[in-house]
Structures are given as structure tokens and as C-alpha cells.
């Protein structure tokens, strides 16, 4: 954590979101921590996004696990050919959030890229530690790929998309699918991803990252909740903390975006380096003056740039536009 305030490094256009970000205080209990996000007001949808259908489904989970809730988004109209698909995994530090929180963004992806989007409502820690969430996400991926023809989806054009903990989950799912010989993936888009529990115990933490929103204290809580043990411990599996994977070869092409003041900066840079060294095509963007969660300031030029880059990368990977 920074030894002194880094607020002077925050981009002026993003500064205002710091003081209005929903508070996260796990000491008050999980219900209170989650409530701050669940109660956020959402403006009415514009007509083009309202036209995207959203169907709630419950699919079979892994053996012995409960059914998995998903949200299935489809653009209006009938496609001339099978559409590409995006499996979206929401963020929330492994401990908060629902599939519904990405509703507007998922509708925008479906609308702009004319693709199917499936959002996974995976089980949260600490109530369900690893590998519960991995099982849920893999079940959703297998359902999407296994029912591609019925869903009007091109099984050769399925991408993963997640931000923050969702980025960590997406990276873990890509590893798991590779290891299991599971459904093929054409792309993994992992925004400001939560990849490495060892960041919690780094003896030389980044001096200018992690002061705002997702702090080292919250990071320790999130990782301990997911792992069921102290972060940095021996024996943590690579599909819990993807940065621990010894072999990154054979993974789908990747896109990583990270704010220069984000606590996850160093682990994102290192994961990018290792993907490239393993022969995995990877695109990296570091956004100056941005911190974890600053994308909530959607009209800021930094947020617009990050969103444009993200959509362009998805479009290229899915072969649309």
C-alpha cells in the first residue's frame, strides 16, 4: 500500500468517483457489505438495450452442486448465421456481486457485437470457497458450448470476459478448460484482474498502487474468503490463483487492461509477460491515473478509452464488424 497519499496521481477526470464509491467494510458482515452494491440505482435502459432479451435460466451444476443461475442475453432479430458468444463473469472481490450487476454492460456487448452473452451467477465466498465458483463457471461454459446449436451460437467463437475478481475467474476458467480438454475458447478478456493471492504478502508492495477502493486489507479478506486459508500459503491451486500456474501455454489469446494506480498492476504486468513468454498472443493497456473501480466514472475520457479498446478487442476476437 502507498506510504503516503497518491491522490495527486489520480486523473482529474476520475477523482470525483473516489468519494462516492459504495463503501466496502467486511467488519460489518457480508450482508451489509453486499447491500451497498445491491441497492445502487440503475437508470432506465435506452431503447436499443431494452430490445436485447434477457432470460433467467437455471442449469445443472457439477455433480453434487446446486443448479447454477445464469442470465442469457440475445440480440433482437434472427441472425443469418450462428452468432459468437461471450461468457461474462462478474467481479466483486470473490465475495460480493451478482450476474445482474453487469446487466447494462452485457446488453451493450450483445447489441454492439450482435452476439449472445451468458452471465454466470456463481456462488460467492466465504460461504462457498474454491472450487465452488470454478465449478459453477465451468458448468456455464459447458452448457453454452454443449447447447451452441440450439442457442444459435458458433461454438468456435466463444470468449470469456470478466473484470476484477471476474477477470481472475475468467483466467482460472481458461486454465481449467485447457487442463480438462473442455470447450474451446477463442479469447479471454480479463480487465483489471485479481490473479495472485501472493500480492497480499509481497514484502515490497507497489508504493503507488492500491490506495483507493480495493485496498490491501480488502484484498486479503477476498483472497482468504476464496481460498479458505491465508493468502500466500503453500499449495494454492492454479485455478484458484491463476498467477501460480507453472505453464501458461495453450491458452486462448488474451486482453488485459489495468489502471496505473490499481492494486493489481504488478500482477497484471507479470501475467502479461508470462503469457507472451508462453507464446500466447496478449494485448495490454495500462490506463494512467486510473484506479480500481474508476470505470464507474463512465463519461471520463479514460473510461471511454478503456471501453472502446475492450469492445474493439472483443470484436476482432469474435470476427465481427
C-alpha atoms as a PDB file:
ATOM      1  CA  UNK A   1       0.000   0.000   0.000  1.00  0.00           C
ATOM      2  CA  UNK A   2       1.129   3.531  -0.624  1.00  0.00           C
ATOM      3  CA  UNK A   3       3.055   5.072   2.271  1.00  0.00           C
ATOM      4  CA  UNK A   4       1.526   8.479   1.543  1.00  0.00           C
ATOM      5  CA  UNK A   5      -1.492   9.624  -0.391  1.00  0.00           C
ATOM      6  CA  UNK A   6      -1.381   9.057  -4.140  1.00  0.00           C
ATOM      7  CA  UNK A   7      -4.418  11.204  -4.851  1.00  0.00           C
ATOM      8  CA  UNK A   8      -2.274  13.692  -6.734  1.00  0.00           C
ATOM      9  CA  UNK A   9      -1.609  10.922  -9.274  1.00  0.00           C
ATOM     10  CA  UNK A  10      -5.301  10.286  -9.928  1.00  0.00           C
ATOM     11  CA  UNK A  11      -6.501  11.631 -13.276  1.00  0.00           C
ATOM     12  CA  UNK A  12      -8.601  14.767 -12.557  1.00  0.00           C
ATOM     13  CA  UNK A  13     -11.486  13.370 -14.597  1.00  0.00           C
ATOM     14  CA  UNK A  14     -11.630  10.298 -12.317  1.00  0.00           C
ATOM     15  CA  UNK A  15     -11.070  11.939  -8.955  1.00  0.00           C
ATOM     16  CA  UNK A  16     -14.733  12.562  -8.198  1.00  0.00           C
ATOM     17  CA  UNK A  17     -15.691   8.881  -8.057  1.00  0.00           C
ATOM     18  CA  UNK A  18     -13.424   8.188  -5.072  1.00  0.00           C
ATOM     19  CA  UNK A  19     -15.709   9.858  -2.550  1.00  0.00           C
ATOM     20  CA  UNK A  20     -18.963   8.427  -3.920  1.00  0.00           C
ATOM     21  CA  UNK A  21     -17.891   4.804  -4.364  1.00  0.00           C
ATOM     22  CA  UNK A  22     -20.073   2.422  -2.316  1.00  0.00           C
ATOM     23  CA  UNK A  23     -18.278   1.663   0.966  1.00  0.00           C
ATOM     24  CA  UNK A  24     -16.898  -1.835   1.487  1.00  0.00           C
ATOM     25  CA  UNK A  25     -16.467  -2.785   5.130  1.00  0.00           C
ATOM     26  CA  UNK A  26     -16.441  -6.532   5.773  1.00  0.00           C
ATOM     27  CA  UNK A  27     -16.243  -5.951   9.541  1.00  0.00           C
ATOM     28  CA  UNK A  28     -19.977  -5.142   9.466  1.00  0.00           C
ATOM     29  CA  UNK A  29     -20.824  -8.536   7.992  1.00  0.00           C
ATOM     30  CA  UNK A  30     -21.348  -9.815   4.473  1.00  0.00           C
ATOM     31  CA  UNK A  31     -24.982  -8.693   4.212  1.00  0.00           C
ATOM     32  CA  UNK A  32     -24.052  -5.073   4.893  1.00  0.00           C
ATOM     33  CA  UNK A  33     -21.043  -5.234   2.570  1.00  0.00           C
ATOM     34  CA  UNK A  34     -23.081  -6.650  -0.287  1.00  0.00           C
ATOM     35  CA  UNK A  35     -26.020  -4.348   0.301  1.00  0.00           C
ATOM     36  CA  UNK A  36     -24.145  -1.224  -0.746  1.00  0.00           C
ATOM     37  CA  UNK A  37     -23.879  -2.567  -4.274  1.00  0.00           C
ATOM     38  CA  UNK A  38     -27.254  -4.267  -4.496  1.00  0.00           C
ATOM     39  CA  UNK A  39     -29.070  -1.021  -3.693  1.00  0.00           C
ATOM     40  CA  UNK A  40     -27.474   1.102  -6.423  1.00  0.00           C
ATOM     41  CA  UNK A  41     -29.984   2.920  -8.584  1.00  0.00           C
ATOM     42  CA  UNK A  42     -29.967   1.987 -12.264  1.00  0.00           C
ATOM     43  CA  UNK A  43     -31.295   4.478 -14.848  1.00  0.00           C
ATOM     44  CA  UNK A  44     -33.860   3.322 -17.423  1.00  0.00           C
ATOM     45  CA  UNK A  45     -32.441   1.385 -20.348  1.00  0.00           C
ATOM     46  CA  UNK A  46     -32.188   3.130 -23.724  1.00  0.00           C
ATOM     47  CA  UNK A  47     -34.418   1.516 -26.364  1.00  0.00           C
ATOM     48  CA  UNK A  48     -31.618  -0.301 -28.183  1.00  0.00           C
ATOM     49  CA  UNK A  49     -30.507  -2.047 -24.977  1.00  0.00           C
ATOM     50  CA  UNK A  50     -34.059  -2.753 -23.832  1.00  0.00           C
ATOM     51  CA  UNK A  51     -34.546  -4.586 -27.136  1.00  0.00           C
ATOM     52  CA  UNK A  52     -31.921  -7.160 -26.086  1.00  0.00           C
ATOM     53  CA  UNK A  53     -33.743 -10.068 -24.473  1.00  0.00           C
ATOM     54  CA  UNK A  54     -32.630 -11.352 -21.074  1.00  0.00           C
ATOM     55  CA  UNK A  55     -33.810 -14.766 -19.911  1.00  0.00           C
ATOM     56  CA  UNK A  56     -33.051 -16.175 -16.473  1.00  0.00           C
ATOM     57  CA  UNK A  57     -32.145 -19.848 -16.582  1.00  0.00           C
ATOM     58  CA  UNK A  58     -31.028 -22.465 -14.098  1.00  0.00           C
ATOM     59  CA  UNK A  59     -28.630 -25.044 -15.479  1.00  0.00           C
ATOM     60  CA  UNK A  60     -27.218 -28.204 -13.963  1.00  0.00           C
ATOM     61  CA  UNK A  61     -24.156 -27.663 -11.810  1.00  0.00           C
ATOM     62  CA  UNK A  62     -21.252 -30.001 -11.220  1.00  0.00           C
ATOM     63  CA  UNK A  63     -22.114 -33.386  -9.632  1.00  0.00           C
ATOM     64  CA  UNK A  64     -23.199 -32.770  -6.057  1.00  0.00           C
ATOM     65  CA  UNK A  65     -23.500 -28.996  -6.596  1.00  0.00           C
ATOM     66  CA  UNK A  66     -26.707 -26.966  -6.868  1.00  0.00           C
ATOM     67  CA  UNK A  67     -28.054 -25.660 -10.153  1.00  0.00           C
ATOM     68  CA  UNK A  68     -26.326 -22.556 -11.493  1.00  0.00           C
ATOM     69  CA  UNK A  69     -28.282 -19.398 -12.234  1.00  0.00           C
ATOM     70  CA  UNK A  70     -27.373 -17.676 -15.488  1.00  0.00           C
ATOM     71  CA  UNK A  71     -28.691 -14.716 -17.464  1.00  0.00           C
ATOM     72  CA  UNK A  72     -28.943 -15.390 -21.191  1.00  0.00           C
ATOM     73  CA  UNK A  73     -28.837 -12.288 -23.423  1.00  0.00           C
ATOM     74  CA  UNK A  74     -29.762 -12.358 -27.111  1.00  0.00           C
ATOM     75  CA  UNK A  75     -29.848  -9.506 -29.650  1.00  0.00           C
ATOM     76  CA  UNK A  76     -33.170  -8.858 -31.379  1.00  0.00           C
ATOM     77  CA  UNK A  77     -33.869 -10.377 -34.764  1.00  0.00           C
ATOM     78  CA  UNK A  78     -32.843 -13.606 -36.388  1.00  0.00           C
ATOM     79  CA  UNK A  79     -29.212 -13.993 -37.396  1.00  0.00           C
ATOM     80  CA  UNK A  80     -28.275 -15.272 -40.839  1.00  0.00           C
ATOM     81  CA  UNK A  81     -25.594 -17.466 -39.264  1.00  0.00           C
ATOM     82  CA  UNK A  82     -24.706 -18.672 -35.764  1.00  0.00           C
ATOM     83  CA  UNK A  83     -23.619 -15.793 -33.565  1.00  0.00           C
ATOM     84  CA  UNK A  84     -20.474 -15.617 -31.448  1.00  0.00           C
ATOM     85  CA  UNK A  85     -20.895 -15.749 -27.687  1.00  0.00           C
ATOM     86  CA  UNK A  86     -19.373 -14.201 -24.596  1.00  0.00           C
ATOM     87  CA  UNK A  87     -19.411 -15.860 -21.187  1.00  0.00           C
ATOM     88  CA  UNK A  88     -19.324 -12.983 -18.684  1.00  0.00           C
ATOM     89  CA  UNK A  89     -18.173 -13.465 -15.099  1.00  0.00           C
ATOM     90  CA  UNK A  90     -18.900 -10.592 -12.731  1.00  0.00           C
ATOM     91  CA  UNK A  91     -16.444  -9.024 -10.304  1.00  0.00           C
ATOM     92  CA  UNK A  92     -16.696  -8.299  -6.608  1.00  0.00           C
ATOM     93  CA  UNK A  93     -13.526  -9.459  -4.897  1.00  0.00           C
ATOM     94  CA  UNK A  94     -14.821 -13.065  -4.843  1.00  0.00           C
ATOM     95  CA  UNK A  95     -17.233 -12.073  -2.051  1.00  0.00           C
ATOM     96  CA  UNK A  96     -19.856  -9.697  -3.495  1.00  0.00           C
ATOM     97  CA  UNK A  97     -21.823  -9.137  -6.685  1.00  0.00           C
ATOM     98  CA  UNK A  98     -24.361 -10.911  -8.869  1.00  0.00           C
ATOM     99  CA  UNK A  99     -24.801 -11.573 -12.556  1.00  0.00           C
ATOM    100  CA  UNK A 100     -27.378  -8.764 -12.608  1.00  0.00           C
ATOM    101  CA  UNK A 101     -24.810  -6.075 -11.768  1.00  0.00           C
ATOM    102  CA  UNK A 102     -23.395  -6.257 -15.321  1.00  0.00           C
ATOM    103  CA  UNK A 103     -26.807  -6.073 -16.988  1.00  0.00           C
ATOM    104  CA  UNK A 104     -26.249  -2.806 -18.875  1.00  0.00           C
ATOM    105  CA  UNK A 105     -22.734  -3.750 -19.987  1.00  0.00           C
ATOM    106  CA  UNK A 106     -23.846  -7.203 -21.128  1.00  0.00           C
ATOM    107  CA  UNK A 107     -26.756  -5.770 -23.081  1.00  0.00           C
ATOM    108  CA  UNK A 108     -24.333  -3.322 -24.729  1.00  0.00           C
ATOM    109  CA  UNK A 109     -22.000  -6.147 -25.749  1.00  0.00           C
ATOM    110  CA  UNK A 110     -24.885  -8.173 -27.181  1.00  0.00           C
ATOM    111  CA  UNK A 111     -26.218  -5.138 -29.044  1.00  0.00           C
ATOM    112  CA  UNK A 112     -22.958  -3.726 -30.397  1.00  0.00           C
ATOM    113  CA  UNK A 113     -21.373  -7.029 -31.376  1.00  0.00           C
ATOM    114  CA  UNK A 114     -24.571  -8.887 -32.323  1.00  0.00           C
ATOM    115  CA  UNK A 115     -23.569 -11.743 -30.068  1.00  0.00           C
ATOM    116  CA  UNK A 116     -25.046 -13.926 -27.351  1.00  0.00           C
ATOM    117  CA  UNK A 117     -23.947 -13.167 -23.799  1.00  0.00           C
ATOM    118  CA  UNK A 118     -24.270 -15.538 -20.848  1.00  0.00           C
ATOM    119  CA  UNK A 119     -23.657 -14.086 -17.371  1.00  0.00           C
ATOM    120  CA  UNK A 120     -22.924 -16.518 -14.540  1.00  0.00           C
ATOM    121  CA  UNK A 121     -24.292 -16.081 -11.027  1.00  0.00           C
ATOM    122  CA  UNK A 122     -21.579 -18.178  -9.409  1.00  0.00           C
ATOM    123  CA  UNK A 123     -21.572 -18.934  -5.690  1.00  0.00           C
ATOM    124  CA  UNK A 124     -19.681 -16.432  -3.567  1.00  0.00           C
ATOM    125  CA  UNK A 125     -17.048 -16.832  -0.881  1.00  0.00           C
ATOM    126  CA  UNK A 126     -16.722 -17.130   2.052  1.00  0.00           C
ATOM    127  CA  UNK A 127     -19.921 -19.212   2.122  1.00  0.00           C
ATOM    128  CA  UNK A 128     -18.622 -21.204  -0.845  1.00  0.00           C
ATOM    129  CA  UNK A 129     -14.825 -21.301  -1.039  1.00  0.00           C
ATOM    130  CA  UNK A 130     -12.837 -22.526  -4.046  1.00  0.00           C
ATOM    131  CA  UNK A 131     -13.525 -24.591  -6.122  1.00  0.00           C
ATOM    132  CA  UNK A 132     -17.268 -23.879  -5.904  1.00  0.00           C
ATOM    133  CA  UNK A 133     -17.170 -20.792  -8.124  1.00  0.00           C
ATOM    134  CA  UNK A 134     -14.891 -22.554 -10.625  1.00  0.00           C
ATOM    135  CA  UNK A 135     -17.350 -25.443 -10.857  1.00  0.00           C
ATOM    136  CA  UNK A 136     -20.232 -23.027 -11.480  1.00  0.00           C
ATOM    137  CA  UNK A 137     -18.372 -21.105 -14.179  1.00  0.00           C
ATOM    138  CA  UNK A 138     -17.250 -24.297 -15.899  1.00  0.00           C
ATOM    139  CA  UNK A 139     -20.780 -25.664 -15.808  1.00  0.00           C
ATOM    140  CA  UNK A 140     -21.970 -22.491 -17.559  1.00  0.00           C
ATOM    141  CA  UNK A 141     -19.235 -22.758 -20.182  1.00  0.00           C
ATOM    142  CA  UNK A 142     -20.054 -26.418 -20.867  1.00  0.00           C
ATOM    143  CA  UNK A 143     -23.766 -25.589 -21.096  1.00  0.00           C
ATOM    144  CA  UNK A 144     -23.091 -22.776 -23.565  1.00  0.00           C
ATOM    145  CA  UNK A 145     -20.808 -24.858 -25.752  1.00  0.00           C
ATOM    146  CA  UNK A 146     -22.901 -28.013 -25.452  1.00  0.00           C
ATOM    147  CA  UNK A 147     -26.093 -26.221 -26.490  1.00  0.00           C
ATOM    148  CA  UNK A 148     -24.499 -23.985 -29.091  1.00  0.00           C
ATOM    149  CA  UNK A 149     -26.642 -25.185 -31.992  1.00  0.00           C
ATOM    150  CA  UNK A 150     -29.890 -24.743 -30.066  1.00  0.00           C
ATOM    151  CA  UNK A 151     -28.788 -21.288 -28.869  1.00  0.00           C
ATOM    152  CA  UNK A 152     -27.745 -20.157 -32.324  1.00  0.00           C
ATOM    153  CA  UNK A 153     -24.125 -19.887 -31.221  1.00  0.00           C
ATOM    154  CA  UNK A 154     -20.943 -20.629 -33.147  1.00  0.00           C
ATOM    155  CA  UNK A 155     -19.099 -22.992 -30.783  1.00  0.00           C
ATOM    156  CA  UNK A 156     -15.778 -21.941 -32.335  1.00  0.00           C
ATOM    157  CA  UNK A 157     -16.310 -18.318 -31.291  1.00  0.00           C
ATOM    158  CA  UNK A 158     -16.823 -18.378 -27.539  1.00  0.00           C
ATOM    159  CA  UNK A 159     -14.926 -15.795 -25.475  1.00  0.00           C
ATOM    160  CA  UNK A 160     -14.553 -15.218 -21.745  1.00  0.00           C
ATOM    161  CA  UNK A 161     -14.970 -11.773 -20.226  1.00  0.00           C
ATOM    162  CA  UNK A 162     -14.516 -10.684 -16.622  1.00  0.00           C
ATOM    163  CA  UNK A 163     -13.364  -7.712 -14.602  1.00  0.00           C
ATOM    164  CA  UNK A 164     -11.629  -7.663 -11.211  1.00  0.00           C
ATOM    165  CA  UNK A 165     -12.471 -10.954  -9.478  1.00  0.00           C
ATOM    166  CA  UNK A 166     -14.343 -11.816 -12.668  1.00  0.00           C
ATOM    167  CA  UNK A 167     -11.075 -11.381 -14.530  1.00  0.00           C
ATOM    168  CA  UNK A 168      -9.425 -13.769 -12.107  1.00  0.00           C
ATOM    169  CA  UNK A 169     -12.276 -16.228 -12.537  1.00  0.00           C
ATOM    170  CA  UNK A 170     -12.038 -15.942 -16.333  1.00  0.00           C
ATOM    171  CA  UNK A 171      -8.289 -16.598 -16.285  1.00  0.00           C
ATOM    172  CA  UNK A 172      -8.841 -19.557 -13.953  1.00  0.00           C
ATOM    173  CA  UNK A 173     -11.598 -20.904 -16.186  1.00  0.00           C
ATOM    174  CA  UNK A 174      -9.361 -20.688 -19.250  1.00  0.00           C
ATOM    175  CA  UNK A 175      -6.730 -22.736 -17.405  1.00  0.00           C
ATOM    176  CA  UNK A 176      -9.314 -25.249 -16.200  1.00  0.00           C
ATOM    177  CA  UNK A 177     -10.852 -25.672 -19.652  1.00  0.00           C
ATOM    178  CA  UNK A 178      -7.394 -26.269 -21.114  1.00  0.00           C
ATOM    179  CA  UNK A 179      -6.468 -28.747 -18.397  1.00  0.00           C
ATOM    180  CA  UNK A 180      -9.751 -30.658 -18.722  1.00  0.00           C
ATOM    181  CA  UNK A 181      -9.750 -30.719 -22.510  1.00  0.00           C
ATOM    182  CA  UNK A 182     -13.009 -28.788 -22.268  1.00  0.00           C
ATOM    183  CA  UNK A 183     -14.760 -26.409 -24.654  1.00  0.00           C
ATOM    184  CA  UNK A 184     -12.514 -24.420 -26.961  1.00  0.00           C
ATOM    185  CA  UNK A 185     -12.184 -20.704 -26.262  1.00  0.00           C
ATOM    186  CA  UNK A 186     -11.263 -18.101 -28.840  1.00  0.00           C
ATOM    187  CA  UNK A 187     -10.391 -15.299 -26.387  1.00  0.00           C
ATOM    188  CA  UNK A 188     -10.083 -14.247 -22.751  1.00  0.00           C
ATOM    189  CA  UNK A 189     -10.705 -10.617 -21.853  1.00  0.00           C
ATOM    190  CA  UNK A 190      -9.526 -10.063 -18.287  1.00  0.00           C
ATOM    191  CA  UNK A 191      -9.958  -6.492 -17.117  1.00  0.00           C
ATOM    192  CA  UNK A 192      -8.039  -5.292 -14.022  1.00  0.00           C
ATOM    193  CA  UNK A 193      -7.863  -8.960 -12.975  1.00  0.00           C
ATOM    194  CA  UNK A 194      -7.467 -10.404  -9.481  1.00  0.00           C
ATOM    195  CA  UNK A 195      -4.876 -13.068 -10.287  1.00  0.00           C
ATOM    196  CA  UNK A 196      -2.398 -13.547  -7.461  1.00  0.00           C
ATOM    197  CA  UNK A 197      -3.043 -14.135  -3.759  1.00  0.00           C
ATOM    198  CA  UNK A 198       0.672 -13.575  -3.115  1.00  0.00           C
ATOM    199  CA  UNK A 199       0.178  -9.850  -3.692  1.00  0.00           C
ATOM    200  CA  UNK A 200      -1.229  -9.864  -0.143  1.00  0.00           C
ATOM    201  CA  UNK A 201       2.136 -10.890   1.299  1.00  0.00           C
ATOM    202  CA  UNK A 202       4.501  -9.146  -1.108  1.00  0.00           C
ATOM    203  CA  UNK A 203       7.421  -7.846   1.005  1.00  0.00           C
ATOM    204  CA  UNK A 204       7.879  -4.961  -1.438  1.00  0.00           C
ATOM    205  CA  UNK A 205       4.371  -3.822  -2.407  1.00  0.00           C
ATOM    206  CA  UNK A 206       3.923  -1.235  -5.122  1.00  0.00           C
ATOM    207  CA  UNK A 207       4.359   2.189  -3.460  1.00  0.00           C
ATOM    208  CA  UNK A 208       1.779   3.955  -5.664  1.00  0.00           C
ATOM    209  CA  UNK A 209      -0.937   1.342  -6.144  1.00  0.00           C
ATOM    210  CA  UNK A 210      -3.863   0.197  -4.061  1.00  0.00           C
ATOM    211  CA  UNK A 211      -4.851   3.239  -2.023  1.00  0.00           C
ATOM    212  CA  UNK A 212      -8.368   3.593  -3.429  1.00  0.00           C
ATOM    213  CA  UNK A 213     -11.467   1.359  -3.445  1.00  0.00           C
ATOM    214  CA  UNK A 214      -9.885  -2.118  -3.447  1.00  0.00           C
ATOM    215  CA  UNK A 215      -7.219  -1.859  -0.777  1.00  0.00           C
ATOM    216  CA  UNK A 216      -4.658  -4.368   0.525  1.00  0.00           C
ATOM    217  CA  UNK A 217      -6.896  -5.067   3.532  1.00  0.00           C
ATOM    218  CA  UNK A 218      -9.880  -5.867   1.331  1.00  0.00           C
ATOM    219  CA  UNK A 219      -7.671  -7.898  -0.974  1.00  0.00           C
ATOM    220  CA  UNK A 220      -6.504 -10.043   1.937  1.00  0.00           C
ATOM    221  CA  UNK A 221     -10.112 -10.591   3.005  1.00  0.00           C
ATOM    222  CA  UNK A 222     -11.224 -11.503  -0.522  1.00  0.00           C
ATOM    223  CA  UNK A 223      -8.450 -13.997  -1.069  1.00  0.00           C
ATOM    224  CA  UNK A 224      -8.783 -15.600   2.370  1.00  0.00           C
ATOM    225  CA  UNK A 225     -12.514 -15.963   1.775  1.00  0.00           C
ATOM    226  CA  UNK A 226     -11.979 -17.676  -1.576  1.00  0.00           C
ATOM    227  CA  UNK A 227      -9.105 -19.912  -0.511  1.00  0.00           C
ATOM    228  CA  UNK A 228     -10.312 -20.814   2.965  1.00  0.00           C
ATOM    229  CA  UNK A 229      -6.758 -20.228   4.151  1.00  0.00           C
ATOM    230  CA  UNK A 230      -4.315 -17.353   4.435  1.00  0.00           C
ATOM    231  CA  UNK A 231      -3.261 -15.883   1.089  1.00  0.00           C
ATOM    232  CA  UNK A 232       0.338 -16.642   0.225  1.00  0.00           C
ATOM    233  CA  UNK A 233       0.121 -20.112   1.761  1.00  0.00           C
ATOM    234  CA  UNK A 234       1.698 -23.132   0.119  1.00  0.00           C
ATOM    235  CA  UNK A 235      -0.402 -25.416  -2.013  1.00  0.00           C
ATOM    236  CA  UNK A 236      -2.813 -22.870  -3.538  1.00  0.00           C
ATOM    237  CA  UNK A 237      -4.084 -24.330  -6.814  1.00  0.00           C
ATOM    238  CA  UNK A 238      -3.551 -22.529 -10.116  1.00  0.00           C
ATOM    239  CA  UNK A 239      -7.288 -22.473 -10.831  1.00  0.00           C
ATOM    240  CA  UNK A 240      -7.776 -20.568  -7.593  1.00  0.00           C
ATOM    241  CA  UNK A 241      -4.948 -18.093  -8.243  1.00  0.00           C
ATOM    242  CA  UNK A 242      -4.054 -18.195 -11.970  1.00  0.00           C
ATOM    243  CA  UNK A 243      -0.753 -16.365 -11.464  1.00  0.00           C
ATOM    244  CA  UNK A 244       0.510 -19.519  -9.750  1.00  0.00           C
ATOM    245  CA  UNK A 245       0.161 -21.606 -12.921  1.00  0.00           C
ATOM    246  CA  UNK A 246       3.516 -23.048 -13.934  1.00  0.00           C
ATOM    247  CA  UNK A 247       2.531 -23.434 -17.586  1.00  0.00           C
ATOM    248  CA  UNK A 248       0.506 -20.821 -19.484  1.00  0.00           C
ATOM    249  CA  UNK A 249       0.985 -22.340 -22.922  1.00  0.00           C
ATOM    250  CA  UNK A 250      -2.020 -23.354 -24.984  1.00  0.00           C
ATOM    251  CA  UNK A 251      -4.301 -20.708 -23.510  1.00  0.00           C
ATOM    252  CA  UNK A 252      -6.567 -18.561 -25.697  1.00  0.00           C
ATOM    253  CA  UNK A 253      -5.381 -15.113 -26.781  1.00  0.00           C
ATOM    254  CA  UNK A 254      -5.755 -12.572 -24.004  1.00  0.00           C
ATOM    255  CA  UNK A 255      -6.541  -8.917 -23.435  1.00  0.00           C
ATOM    256  CA  UNK A 256      -5.582  -7.229 -20.164  1.00  0.00           C
ATOM    257  CA  UNK A 257      -6.394  -3.676 -19.104  1.00  0.00           C
ATOM    258  CA  UNK A 258      -5.306  -2.202 -15.777  1.00  0.00           C
ATOM    259  CA  UNK A 259      -5.162   1.185 -14.110  1.00  0.00           C
ATOM    260  CA  UNK A 260      -1.725   2.536 -13.226  1.00  0.00           C
ATOM    261  CA  UNK A 261      -2.861   3.036  -9.599  1.00  0.00           C
ATOM    262  CA  UNK A 262      -4.676  -0.304  -9.312  1.00  0.00           C
ATOM    263  CA  UNK A 263      -3.520  -2.714  -6.606  1.00  0.00           C
ATOM    264  CA  UNK A 264      -3.431  -5.425  -9.294  1.00  0.00           C
ATOM    265  CA  UNK A 265      -0.984  -3.553 -11.543  1.00  0.00           C
ATOM    266  CA  UNK A 266       2.131  -5.618 -10.842  1.00  0.00           C
ATOM    267  CA  UNK A 267       0.391  -8.996 -11.047  1.00  0.00           C
ATOM    268  CA  UNK A 268      -1.268  -7.958 -14.330  1.00  0.00           C
ATOM    269  CA  UNK A 269       2.053  -6.881 -15.818  1.00  0.00           C
ATOM    270  CA  UNK A 270       3.697 -10.125 -14.733  1.00  0.00           C
ATOM    271  CA  UNK A 271       0.857 -12.266 -16.079  1.00  0.00           C
ATOM    272  CA  UNK A 272       1.084 -10.434 -19.402  1.00  0.00           C
ATOM    273  CA  UNK A 273       4.823 -11.054 -19.545  1.00  0.00           C
ATOM    274  CA  UNK A 274       4.389 -14.753 -18.790  1.00  0.00           C
ATOM    275  CA  UNK A 275       1.604 -15.198 -21.341  1.00  0.00           C
ATOM    276  CA  UNK A 276       3.814 -13.650 -24.017  1.00  0.00           C
ATOM    277  CA  UNK A 277       6.737 -15.868 -22.956  1.00  0.00           C
ATOM    278  CA  UNK A 278       4.427 -18.894 -23.293  1.00  0.00           C
ATOM    279  CA  UNK A 279       3.521 -17.976 -26.868  1.00  0.00           C
ATOM    280  CA  UNK A 280       0.035 -16.709 -26.058  1.00  0.00           C
ATOM    281  CA  UNK A 281      -0.988 -13.595 -28.031  1.00  0.00           C
ATOM    282  CA  UNK A 282      -1.705 -10.899 -25.452  1.00  0.00           C
ATOM    283  CA  UNK A 283      -2.710  -7.239 -25.623  1.00  0.00           C
ATOM    284  CA  UNK A 284      -2.023  -4.987 -22.620  1.00  0.00           C
ATOM    285  CA  UNK A 285      -3.249  -1.499 -21.786  1.00  0.00           C
ATOM    286  CA  UNK A 286      -2.220   0.490 -18.704  1.00  0.00           C
ATOM    287  CA  UNK A 287      -4.517   3.446 -18.096  1.00  0.00           C
ATOM    288  CA  UNK A 288      -2.672   6.404 -16.489  1.00  0.00           C
ATOM    289  CA  UNK A 289      -4.322   7.945 -13.451  1.00  0.00           C
ATOM    290  CA  UNK A 290      -6.881   5.149 -13.137  1.00  0.00           C
ATOM    291  CA  UNK A 291      -7.518   3.092 -10.008  1.00  0.00           C
ATOM    292  CA  UNK A 292      -9.591   0.031  -9.239  1.00  0.00           C
ATOM    293  CA  UNK A 293     -13.238   0.745  -9.966  1.00  0.00           C
ATOM    294  CA  UNK A 294     -12.641   4.130 -11.563  1.00  0.00           C
ATOM    295  CA  UNK A 295     -14.541   2.907 -14.605  1.00  0.00           C
ATOM    296  CA  UNK A 296     -17.724   3.814 -12.719  1.00  0.00           C
ATOM    297  CA  UNK A 297     -16.991   7.350 -13.947  1.00  0.00           C
ATOM    298  CA  UNK A 298     -18.265   6.298 -17.359  1.00  0.00           C
ATOM    299  CA  UNK A 299     -18.075   9.708 -19.024  1.00  0.00           C
ATOM    300  CA  UNK A 300     -14.411  10.226 -18.176  1.00  0.00           C
ATOM    301  CA  UNK A 301     -12.101  10.047 -21.216  1.00  0.00           C
ATOM    302  CA  UNK A 302     -10.068   7.282 -19.554  1.00  0.00           C
ATOM    303  CA  UNK A 303     -13.192   5.151 -19.081  1.00  0.00           C
ATOM    304  CA  UNK A 304     -14.378   5.792 -22.618  1.00  0.00           C
ATOM    305  CA  UNK A 305     -10.962   4.836 -23.972  1.00  0.00           C
ATOM    306  CA  UNK A 306     -10.872   1.639 -21.912  1.00  0.00           C
ATOM    307  CA  UNK A 307     -14.364   0.673 -23.068  1.00  0.00           C
ATOM    308  CA  UNK A 308     -13.553   1.399 -26.725  1.00  0.00           C
ATOM    309  CA  UNK A 309     -10.386  -0.687 -26.553  1.00  0.00           C
ATOM    310  CA  UNK A 310     -12.267  -3.508 -24.852  1.00  0.00           C
ATOM    311  CA  UNK A 311     -15.055  -3.588 -27.446  1.00  0.00           C
ATOM    312  CA  UNK A 312     -12.591  -3.389 -30.332  1.00  0.00           C
ATOM    313  CA  UNK A 313     -10.626  -6.326 -28.929  1.00  0.00           C
ATOM    314  CA  UNK A 314     -13.780  -8.396 -28.483  1.00  0.00           C
ATOM    315  CA  UNK A 315     -14.949  -7.553 -31.989  1.00  0.00           C
ATOM    316  CA  UNK A 316     -11.640  -8.671 -33.500  1.00  0.00           C
ATOM    317  CA  UNK A 317     -11.577 -11.878 -31.474  1.00  0.00           C
ATOM    318  CA  UNK A 318     -15.167 -12.753 -32.349  1.00  0.00           C
ATOM    319  CA  UNK A 319     -14.718 -11.832 -36.007  1.00  0.00           C
ATOM    320  CA  UNK A 320     -17.479  -9.238 -36.129  1.00  0.00           C
ATOM    321  CA  UNK A 321     -17.630  -5.743 -37.570  1.00  0.00           C
END
